[in-house]
Amino acid sequence: MNPTVLFILGVVFVAVGIAVSIALHEVGHLLPAKLFNVRVTRYMIGFGPTLFSFRRGETEYGVKALPLGGYVAMVGMYPPNAKDGSVRQSSTGMFQSLAEAARDQAHEEVRPEDHGRLFYQLPVWKKAVIMLGGPAMNIILGVLFTAILLMGFGTAQPTTQIANVSACMVTQGGTGQAGGSQNTDPATCTKTPAAAAGFRPGDTIVAFDGRKVTGWDQLTSWIRASAGREVEVTVKRGDAEVTTKVTPVLTQRPVLGADGQPVKNADGTYQTTQAGFLGIGPQQGLVPQPASSVLPAVGENITQVAGVVVNLPARVVAVGQAAFSSAPRDPNGPISVVGVGRVAGEVASMEDVPVQARLATLVGILAGVNLALAVFNLVPLLPLDGGHVAGALYEGVRRRVAAWRRRPDPGPFDIAKLLPLTYVVASVLLVMSALLIYADIVKPVNLFG
């Protein structure tokens, strides 16, 4: 297929996935709000002019022109105005919160039957559940996509299929040892055990010394332990199984550290150990993982995203410096939705990569985006969901302190008092978003060399 078409398909795949994720994020707010009988007036995907909408009961559902997020509008998110007792309407969406607050003394008429159905009248725990519903939905989606990635596609790991067979042994310093030299002339070199036994690229090792082979790590441990001893090896070659005998040679192998790199001594030499050697290299392939691997992978992803969020200001500054200079972009730095789409397109258009591997990468992107949305929305600053949760928790603490001190109930915390901070935070987020989009256009992250 044409690379341009593949690029577009990759962008569309991830764009639709992100749109669905945003829609379900808002569903995470909508469902508990309706469960707790809060009057929800609007459920919208996007901002700006409405493209189309329909009404079901007391709620209007629709799609707007600017695909920059979404919101659920609930009556009574702010307590009554202290002057006239009217109730402001607000929503879970960042830009909608600002738009409502920007309208000079904008108030919504509350129906008599709405008493008891206003957001500010809810107990603290119900407010927290509603506002945490969005991030929770993203976490659920992140777990789902991670499960599809790990259990359905698998992770790239060495398989028991042979990718290459070394023809010659290293004649100085030990096979695989740093500093060794190799005669690569098949006519005069010392053949490796694998080459001497007739192993071929594409062979799959199914049995070693009478034992069934189930993985590459298992196989290498058996090879290392069989130095100098003749063993029987069975390989699958095409539709047939071929059995041969081979004697792994004893060689000096480098000791590898936790990072997979050879470990050096204080004098600069490499640490070595004696082990058996055949002279084969594994074919990489997607190996499905057990269900037990999903949650640890999600936890690791969340930890990485949290690290990026904590250092976001510094990382964005670095992106800005790269965008306006010759400095390279950090491949592990933040990117915008434009950057995500570009990466998705590049992945989809890599024709030399198997389709299954490309699809796995795209699913991994969606998993990462959802977990990033969840973590970012939990930042305890308005207008993010975490800011509303922080306001609710403050209200609960304030009421408990008042009760402990035997003072009157201070009532709901008026989160509208934090609107100036909301403007500042939202302005900063807009500037950061614009900078990231610009950088992703003029100097995109290069993940593939």
Protein backbone atom coordinates (compact mmCIF):
# COMPACT_ATOMS: atom_id res chain seq x y z
CA MET A 1 0.00 0.00 0.00
CA ASN A 2 1.13 3.56 -0.67
CA PRO A 3 3.16 4.94 2.29
CA THR A 4 1.15 8.18 2.23
CA VAL A 5 -2.10 6.24 2.55
CA LEU A 6 -0.61 4.20 5.40
CA PHE A 7 0.51 7.41 7.11
CA ILE A 8 -3.01 8.84 6.90
CA LEU A 9 -4.55 5.60 8.16
CA GLY A 10 -2.21 5.63 11.16
CA VAL A 11 -3.14 9.22 12.00
CA VAL A 12 -6.87 8.47 11.62
CA PHE A 13 -6.59 5.33 13.78
CA VAL A 14 -5.03 7.19 16.68
CA ALA A 15 -7.22 10.30 16.19
CA VAL A 16 -10.38 8.21 16.41
CA GLY A 17 -8.94 6.38 19.41
CA ILE A 18 -8.20 9.66 21.19
CA ALA A 19 -11.65 11.05 20.34
CA VAL A 20 -13.31 7.95 21.77
CA SER A 21 -11.08 8.20 24.85
CA ILE A 22 -12.14 11.82 25.42
CA ALA A 23 -15.80 10.90 24.94
CA LEU A 24 -15.51 8.08 27.46
CA HIS A 25 -13.63 10.35 29.86
CA GLU A 26 -16.70 12.58 29.95
CA VAL A 27 -18.94 9.52 30.29
CA GLY A 28 -16.92 8.84 33.44
CA HIS A 29 -18.26 12.15 34.79
CA LEU A 30 -21.74 11.77 33.31
CA LEU A 31 -22.69 8.37 34.73
CA PRO A 32 -21.98 9.06 38.43
CA ALA A 33 -23.56 12.53 38.11
CA LYS A 34 -26.79 10.96 36.87
CA LEU A 35 -26.47 8.15 39.42
CA PHE A 36 -26.36 10.78 42.18
CA ASN A 37 -29.35 12.59 40.57
CA VAL A 38 -27.46 15.77 39.62
CA ARG A 39 -29.18 17.62 36.78
CA VAL A 40 -26.88 17.37 33.77
CA THR A 41 -27.79 19.86 31.06
CA ARG A 42 -25.15 19.10 28.41
CA TYR A 43 -22.72 16.39 27.34
CA MET A 44 -20.47 17.76 24.62
CA ILE A 45 -17.42 16.53 22.74
CA GLY A 46 -15.30 19.46 21.61
CA PHE A 47 -15.65 23.21 22.10
CA GLY A 48 -16.87 26.16 20.08
CA PRO A 49 -19.85 26.12 17.71
CA THR A 50 -22.09 23.05 17.90
CA LEU A 51 -21.99 20.87 14.79
CA PHE A 52 -24.95 18.71 15.78
CA SER A 53 -26.78 17.72 18.93
CA PHE A 54 -29.86 15.91 20.20
CA ARG A 55 -31.75 15.84 23.46
CA ARG A 56 -32.55 12.86 25.62
CA GLY A 57 -34.59 13.80 28.64
CA GLU A 58 -33.09 16.83 30.36
CA THR A 59 -29.63 16.44 28.77
CA GLU A 60 -28.41 17.71 25.40
CA TYR A 61 -25.77 15.51 23.74
CA GLY A 62 -23.65 16.88 20.90
CA VAL A 63 -20.38 17.43 19.05
CA LYS A 64 -18.69 20.82 18.67
CA ALA A 65 -16.32 22.18 16.04
CA LEU A 66 -13.03 22.29 17.96
CA PRO A 67 -11.82 18.79 18.96
CA LEU A 68 -9.88 20.05 21.98
CA GLY A 69 -11.59 17.99 24.67
CA GLY A 70 -15.10 17.76 26.03
CA TYR A 71 -17.28 18.64 28.99
CA VAL A 72 -20.30 17.69 31.05
CA ALA A 73 -22.35 20.68 32.25
CA MET A 74 -23.98 20.22 35.66
CA VAL A 75 -26.28 22.61 37.48
CA GLY A 76 -24.94 24.01 40.71
CA MET A 77 -21.26 23.19 40.52
CA TYR A 78 -20.68 26.48 42.36
CA PRO A 79 -22.58 27.39 45.56
CA PRO A 80 -25.13 30.23 45.45
CA ASN A 81 -23.93 33.74 44.87
CA ALA A 82 -23.50 35.30 48.30
CA LYS A 83 -25.27 38.50 47.15
CA ASP A 84 -28.40 37.26 45.42
CA GLY A 85 -28.50 33.53 46.15
CA SER A 86 -28.46 32.53 42.47
CA VAL A 87 -26.55 29.49 41.27
CA ARG A 88 -23.88 29.55 38.61
CA GLN A 89 -23.67 26.78 36.04
CA SER A 90 -20.32 25.25 35.26
CA SER A 91 -18.92 22.07 33.80
CA THR A 92 -16.13 19.51 33.94
CA GLY A 93 -14.42 20.91 30.84
CA MET A 94 -11.50 23.31 31.14
CA PHE A 95 -12.45 25.81 28.46
CA GLN A 96 -16.16 25.68 29.28
CA SER A 97 -15.42 26.50 32.92
CA LEU A 98 -13.56 29.60 31.76
CA ALA A 99 -16.27 30.59 29.32
CA GLU A 100 -19.00 30.41 31.94
CA ALA A 101 -16.92 32.31 34.47
CA ALA A 102 -16.04 34.99 31.93
CA ARG A 103 -19.65 35.93 31.35
CA ASP A 104 -20.24 38.93 33.55
CA GLN A 105 -22.36 37.76 36.50
CA ALA A 106 -23.82 34.96 34.37
CA HIS A 107 -26.36 32.98 36.37
CA GLU A 108 -28.69 30.17 35.55
CA GLU A 109 -32.22 30.05 36.75
CA VAL A 110 -32.62 27.08 39.06
CA ARG A 111 -35.97 25.33 38.94
CA PRO A 112 -37.75 24.72 42.23
CA GLU A 113 -37.65 20.98 41.59
CA ASP A 114 -33.82 21.13 41.29
CA HIS A 115 -33.43 21.43 45.04
CA GLY A 116 -31.32 18.49 46.17
CA ARG A 117 -30.07 17.94 42.61
CA LEU A 118 -27.36 20.62 42.62
CA PHE A 119 -23.72 19.61 42.53
CA TYR A 120 -22.66 21.79 45.46
CA GLN A 121 -25.29 20.12 47.66
CA LEU A 122 -23.71 16.68 47.31
CA PRO A 123 -21.64 15.09 50.06
CA VAL A 124 -17.91 15.47 49.57
CA TRP A 125 -17.41 11.81 48.61
CA LYS A 126 -20.01 12.04 45.84
CA LYS A 127 -18.36 15.17 44.43
CA ALA A 128 -15.02 13.37 44.43
CA VAL A 129 -16.50 10.31 42.72
CA ILE A 130 -18.00 12.45 39.93
CA MET A 131 -14.79 14.35 39.30
CA LEU A 132 -12.58 11.25 39.54
CA GLY A 133 -14.85 9.38 37.12
CA GLY A 134 -13.12 10.88 34.07
CA PRO A 135 -9.53 9.97 35.04
CA ALA A 136 -10.77 6.57 36.25
CA MET A 137 -12.27 5.92 32.80
CA ASN A 138 -8.93 6.78 31.18
CA ILE A 139 -7.12 4.42 33.53
CA ILE A 140 -9.59 1.65 32.64
CA LEU A 141 -8.98 2.31 28.94
CA GLY A 142 -5.22 2.39 29.56
CA VAL A 143 -5.42 -1.02 31.27
CA LEU A 144 -7.59 -2.37 28.43
CA PHE A 145 -5.23 -1.18 25.68
CA THR A 146 -2.21 -2.44 27.63
CA ALA A 147 -3.89 -5.84 28.01
CA ILE A 148 -4.55 -5.96 24.25
CA LEU A 149 -0.94 -4.98 23.61
CA LEU A 150 0.70 -7.45 25.99
CA MET A 151 -1.71 -10.38 25.91
CA GLY A 152 -3.00 -10.04 22.35
CA PHE A 153 0.07 -8.89 20.42
CA GLY A 154 2.85 -9.54 22.91
CA THR A 155 6.20 -7.86 23.45
CA ALA A 156 9.29 -8.10 21.25
CA GLN A 157 11.45 -10.87 22.67
CA PRO A 158 14.02 -13.34 21.37
CA THR A 159 12.35 -16.52 20.12
CA THR A 160 13.72 -20.02 19.62
CA GLN A 161 13.89 -19.43 15.86
CA ILE A 162 17.47 -18.90 14.62
CA ALA A 163 18.08 -15.55 12.93
CA ASN A 164 21.78 -16.00 12.18
CA VAL A 165 24.52 -18.61 12.47
CA SER A 166 28.08 -17.43 13.15
CA ALA A 167 30.45 -19.15 10.71
CA CYS A 168 33.72 -18.66 12.59
CA MET A 169 35.00 -18.63 16.15
CA VAL A 170 36.79 -15.71 17.75
CA THR A 171 40.39 -16.89 17.97
CA GLN A 172 41.73 -14.37 20.49
CA GLY A 173 40.24 -13.18 23.73
CA GLY A 174 37.41 -15.72 23.73
CA THR A 175 34.16 -15.83 21.81
CA GLY A 176 32.12 -12.75 22.49
CA GLN A 177 34.82 -11.25 24.71
CA ALA A 178 35.73 -7.62 24.08
CA GLY A 179 39.08 -7.31 22.34
CA GLY A 180 38.90 -10.65 20.53
CA SER A 181 39.60 -11.01 16.81
CA GLN A 182 37.82 -13.16 14.27
CA ASN A 183 38.90 -14.86 11.04
CA THR A 184 35.81 -14.68 8.88
CA ASP A 185 37.16 -16.73 5.98
CA PRO A 186 35.05 -19.93 6.02
CA ALA A 187 37.86 -21.83 4.30
CA THR A 188 40.46 -21.24 7.05
CA CYS A 189 38.55 -20.26 10.20
CA THR A 190 37.52 -22.51 13.05
CA LYS A 191 33.82 -23.17 12.58
CA THR A 192 31.40 -22.54 15.40
CA PRO A 193 29.58 -25.62 16.75
CA ALA A 194 26.35 -24.40 15.15
CA ALA A 195 27.96 -23.98 11.73
CA ALA A 196 29.68 -27.36 12.01
CA ALA A 197 26.36 -29.02 12.93
CA GLY A 198 24.61 -27.50 9.91
CA PHE A 199 22.20 -25.16 11.68
CA ARG A 200 20.53 -22.66 9.33
CA PRO A 201 18.80 -19.29 9.75
CA GLY A 202 15.06 -19.97 10.00
CA ASP A 203 15.49 -23.21 11.96
CA THR A 204 13.43 -23.37 15.15
CA ILE A 205 14.99 -25.27 18.04
CA VAL A 206 12.31 -27.49 19.57
CA ALA A 207 14.40 -29.82 21.80
CA PHE A 208 17.83 -29.70 23.46
CA ASP A 209 19.44 -32.72 25.10
CA GLY A 210 16.10 -34.54 25.19
CA ARG A 211 14.25 -31.62 26.79
CA LYS A 212 11.52 -29.53 25.12
CA VAL A 213 12.59 -25.94 24.47
CA THR A 214 9.99 -23.31 25.41
CA GLY A 215 12.01 -20.08 25.38
CA TRP A 216 15.28 -18.46 24.36
CA ASP A 217 16.45 -17.71 27.91
CA GLN A 218 15.86 -21.35 28.86
CA LEU A 219 17.78 -22.53 25.80
CA THR A 220 20.79 -20.28 26.43
CA SER A 221 21.03 -21.44 30.04
CA TRP A 222 21.18 -25.07 28.84
CA ILE A 223 23.78 -24.22 26.20
CA ARG A 224 25.97 -22.43 28.74
CA ALA A 225 25.80 -25.41 31.09
CA SER A 226 26.68 -27.96 28.37
CA ALA A 227 30.20 -26.87 27.44
CA GLY A 228 32.37 -29.74 26.21
CA ARG A 229 29.52 -32.25 26.26
CA GLU A 230 27.88 -33.63 23.12
CA VAL A 231 24.12 -33.11 23.14
CA GLU A 232 21.30 -33.93 20.77
CA VAL A 233 19.39 -30.98 19.29
CA THR A 234 16.16 -31.11 17.28
CA VAL A 235 15.19 -28.25 15.00
CA LYS A 236 12.09 -27.66 12.92
CA ARG A 237 13.08 -26.86 9.34
CA GLY A 238 10.07 -26.12 7.16
CA ASP A 239 7.57 -28.91 7.76
CA ALA A 240 10.18 -31.42 8.91
CA GLU A 241 12.10 -31.97 12.14
CA VAL A 242 15.85 -32.55 11.91
CA THR A 243 17.90 -34.00 14.77
CA THR A 244 21.66 -33.54 15.01
CA LYS A 245 24.40 -33.68 17.60
CA VAL A 246 26.46 -30.71 18.67
CA THR A 247 29.12 -29.98 21.30
CA PRO A 248 29.05 -26.45 22.79
CA VAL A 249 32.58 -25.14 23.23
CA LEU A 250 33.84 -23.62 26.45
CA THR A 251 34.48 -19.91 25.98
CA GLN A 252 35.02 -16.77 27.98
CA ARG A 253 31.78 -14.79 27.91
CA PRO A 254 31.34 -11.22 29.19
CA VAL A 255 29.34 -10.75 32.38
CA LEU A 256 26.32 -8.58 31.59
CA GLY A 257 24.90 -6.04 34.02
CA ALA A 258 21.26 -5.19 34.70
CA ASP A 259 21.29 -2.88 31.67
CA GLY A 260 22.41 -5.72 29.40
CA GLN A 261 25.85 -4.19 28.85
CA PRO A 262 29.22 -5.85 29.65
CA VAL A 263 30.48 -5.11 33.17
CA LYS A 264 33.90 -3.47 33.40
CA ASN A 265 36.52 -3.94 36.11
CA ALA A 266 38.23 -1.03 37.82
CA ASP A 267 41.19 -1.36 35.42
CA GLY A 268 38.94 -1.06 32.36
CA THR A 269 38.91 -4.76 31.46
CA TYR A 270 35.69 -6.69 31.15
CA GLN A 271 34.44 -9.21 33.65
CA THR A 272 34.11 -12.65 32.07
CA THR A 273 32.79 -16.06 32.92
CA GLN A 274 33.18 -19.47 31.31
CA ALA A 275 30.16 -20.83 29.47
CA GLY A 276 29.12 -23.05 26.59
CA PHE A 277 28.77 -21.47 23.14
CA LEU A 278 27.06 -22.58 19.91
CA GLY A 279 27.19 -19.52 17.67
CA ILE A 280 23.50 -18.78 16.99
CA GLY A 281 21.43 -15.61 17.30
CA PRO A 282 17.68 -15.49 17.96
CA GLN A 283 14.92 -14.10 15.78
CA GLN A 284 12.97 -11.36 17.52
CA GLY A 285 9.21 -11.84 17.65
CA LEU A 286 6.07 -10.73 19.48
CA VAL A 287 5.54 -13.08 22.41
CA PRO A 288 2.13 -12.84 24.20
CA GLN A 289 2.46 -12.14 27.92
CA PRO A 290 0.35 -13.41 30.83
CA ALA A 291 -2.42 -11.35 32.41
CA SER A 292 -0.21 -10.83 35.46
CA SER A 293 2.08 -8.59 33.37
CA VAL A 294 -0.62 -5.99 32.58
CA LEU A 295 -0.96 -4.08 35.86
CA PRO A 296 2.82 -3.84 36.50
CA ALA A 297 3.23 -2.44 32.98
CA VAL A 298 0.45 0.08 33.62
CA GLY A 299 2.06 1.07 36.91
CA GLU A 300 5.41 1.60 35.22
CA ASN A 301 3.79 3.72 32.50
CA ILE A 302 1.96 5.85 35.09
CA THR A 303 5.20 6.36 37.02
CA GLN A 304 6.98 7.53 33.88
CA VAL A 305 4.14 9.91 32.97
CA ALA A 306 4.05 11.29 36.52
CA GLY A 307 7.77 12.01 36.25
CA VAL A 308 7.17 13.95 33.04
CA VAL A 309 4.26 15.91 34.59
CA VAL A 310 6.27 16.82 37.71
CA ASN A 311 9.06 18.21 35.53
CA LEU A 312 6.73 19.54 32.83
CA PRO A 313 7.71 23.24 33.05
CA ALA A 314 11.43 22.45 32.62
CA ARG A 315 10.72 19.95 29.85
CA VAL A 316 8.53 22.43 27.98
CA VAL A 317 11.28 25.05 28.25
CA ALA A 318 13.67 22.51 26.72
CA VAL A 319 11.19 21.89 23.90
CA GLY A 320 10.98 25.64 23.29
CA GLN A 321 14.76 25.95 23.16
CA ALA A 322 14.93 23.10 20.66
CA ALA A 323 12.13 24.59 18.53
CA PHE A 324 13.91 27.94 18.16
CA SER A 325 17.49 26.68 17.88
CA SER A 326 19.57 23.89 16.40
CA ALA A 327 19.36 21.84 19.62
CA PRO A 328 17.80 18.38 19.16
CA ARG A 329 14.43 17.40 20.63
CA ASP A 330 14.41 15.05 23.61
CA PRO A 331 12.70 11.85 22.37
CA ASN A 332 11.40 11.29 25.92
CA GLY A 333 10.03 14.81 26.27
CA PRO A 334 6.38 15.93 26.03
CA ILE A 335 4.62 16.12 22.67
CA SER A 336 1.27 17.51 21.58
CA VAL A 337 -1.62 15.72 19.92
CA VAL A 338 -0.03 16.78 16.62
CA GLY A 339 3.15 14.98 17.61
CA VAL A 340 1.19 11.89 18.64
CA GLY A 341 -0.56 11.85 15.26
CA ARG A 342 2.73 12.26 13.42
CA VAL A 343 4.33 9.38 15.31
CA ALA A 344 1.27 7.22 14.57
CA GLY A 345 1.52 8.02 10.88
CA GLU A 346 5.23 7.22 10.77
CA VAL A 347 4.64 3.90 12.53
CA ALA A 348 1.84 2.92 10.15
CA SER A 349 3.91 3.77 7.06
CA MET A 350 6.94 1.63 8.02
CA GLU A 351 6.50 -1.00 5.32
CA ASP A 352 9.60 -2.95 6.39
CA VAL A 353 7.95 -3.67 9.76
CA PRO A 354 5.32 -6.46 10.01
CA VAL A 355 1.72 -5.26 10.13
CA GLN A 356 1.20 -6.96 13.48
CA ALA A 357 4.09 -5.03 15.01
CA ARG A 358 2.77 -1.74 13.61
CA LEU A 359 -0.72 -2.37 15.02
CA ALA A 360 0.81 -3.27 18.37
CA THR A 361 2.68 0.04 18.45
CA LEU A 362 -0.48 2.02 17.63
CA VAL A 363 -2.38 0.26 20.40
CA GLY A 364 0.52 1.06 22.73
CA ILE A 365 0.23 4.73 21.77
CA LEU A 366 -3.46 4.75 22.75
CA ALA A 367 -2.61 3.07 26.05
CA GLY A 368 0.01 5.72 26.77
CA VAL A 369 -2.28 8.62 25.79
CA ASN A 370 -5.06 7.43 28.11
CA LEU A 371 -2.74 6.98 31.07
CA ALA A 372 -1.22 10.40 30.37
CA LEU A 373 -4.70 11.97 30.30
CA ALA A 374 -5.54 10.33 33.62
CA VAL A 375 -2.36 11.49 35.38
CA PHE A 376 -2.52 15.01 33.96
CA ASN A 377 -6.18 15.47 34.93
CA LEU A 378 -5.37 14.45 38.51
CA VAL A 379 -3.06 17.45 38.99
CA PRO A 380 -4.73 19.35 41.88
CA LEU A 381 -5.13 22.62 40.04
CA LEU A 382 -8.23 24.16 38.51
CA PRO A 383 -9.59 23.82 35.90
CA LEU A 384 -8.40 20.18 35.89
CA ASP A 385 -10.44 17.44 37.54
CA GLY A 386 -7.88 17.18 40.32
CA GLY A 387 -8.52 20.82 41.21
CA HIS A 388 -12.23 20.13 41.76
CA VAL A 389 -11.35 17.07 43.85
CA ALA A 390 -8.94 19.16 45.93
CA GLY A 391 -11.72 21.73 46.48
CA ALA A 392 -14.12 19.01 47.64
CA LEU A 393 -11.53 17.54 50.01
CA TYR A 394 -10.80 20.99 51.42
CA GLU A 395 -14.50 21.44 52.03
CA GLY A 396 -14.67 18.15 53.90
CA VAL A 397 -11.65 19.01 56.06
CA ARG A 398 -13.03 22.47 56.79
CA ARG A 399 -16.35 21.03 57.93
CA ARG A 400 -14.69 18.43 60.14
CA VAL A 401 -12.48 21.06 61.77
CA ALA A 402 -15.52 23.26 62.39
CA ALA A 403 -17.40 20.34 63.97
CA TRP A 404 -14.37 19.44 66.10
CA ARG A 405 -14.16 23.04 67.32
CA ARG A 406 -17.94 23.10 67.83
CA ARG A 407 -18.44 25.92 65.41
CA PRO A 408 -21.21 26.34 62.81
CA ASP A 409 -20.97 24.38 59.59
CA PRO A 410 -19.13 26.68 57.14
CA GLY A 411 -21.14 25.16 54.26
CA PRO A 412 -19.91 24.26 50.77
CA PHE A 413 -16.57 25.66 49.70
CA ASP A 414 -17.09 28.26 46.98
CA ILE A 415 -14.62 27.04 44.40
CA ALA A 416 -15.55 30.05 42.24
CA LYS A 417 -13.22 32.05 44.46
CA LEU A 418 -10.36 30.24 42.72
CA LEU A 419 -11.35 31.45 39.26
CA PRO A 420 -8.42 33.91 39.07
CA LEU A 421 -6.05 30.99 39.60
CA THR A 422 -8.05 29.05 37.02
CA TYR A 423 -7.44 31.77 34.46
CA VAL A 424 -3.70 31.73 35.16
CA VAL A 425 -3.39 27.93 35.00
CA ALA A 426 -5.53 27.70 31.86
CA SER A 427 -3.51 30.44 30.17
CA VAL A 428 -0.27 28.63 30.98
CA LEU A 429 -1.72 25.36 29.63
CA LEU A 430 -2.80 27.09 26.42
CA VAL A 431 0.65 28.61 25.90
CA MET A 432 2.33 25.27 26.60
CA SER A 433 -0.01 23.49 24.20
CA ALA A 434 0.64 26.04 21.46
CA LEU A 435 4.41 25.74 21.96
CA LEU A 436 4.32 21.94 21.80
CA ILE A 437 2.20 22.01 18.64
CA TYR A 438 4.60 24.49 17.01
CA ALA A 439 7.61 22.36 18.00
CA ASP A 440 5.94 19.21 16.68
CA ILE A 441 5.48 20.94 13.32
CA VAL A 442 8.87 22.62 12.87
CA LYS A 443 11.05 20.13 14.76
CA PRO A 444 9.22 16.88 15.43
CA VAL A 445 10.56 14.20 17.74
CA ASN A 446 12.58 11.63 15.79
CA LEU A 447 11.84 8.24 17.36
CA PHE A 448 13.06 6.07 14.51
CA GLY A 449 16.53 7.39 13.76
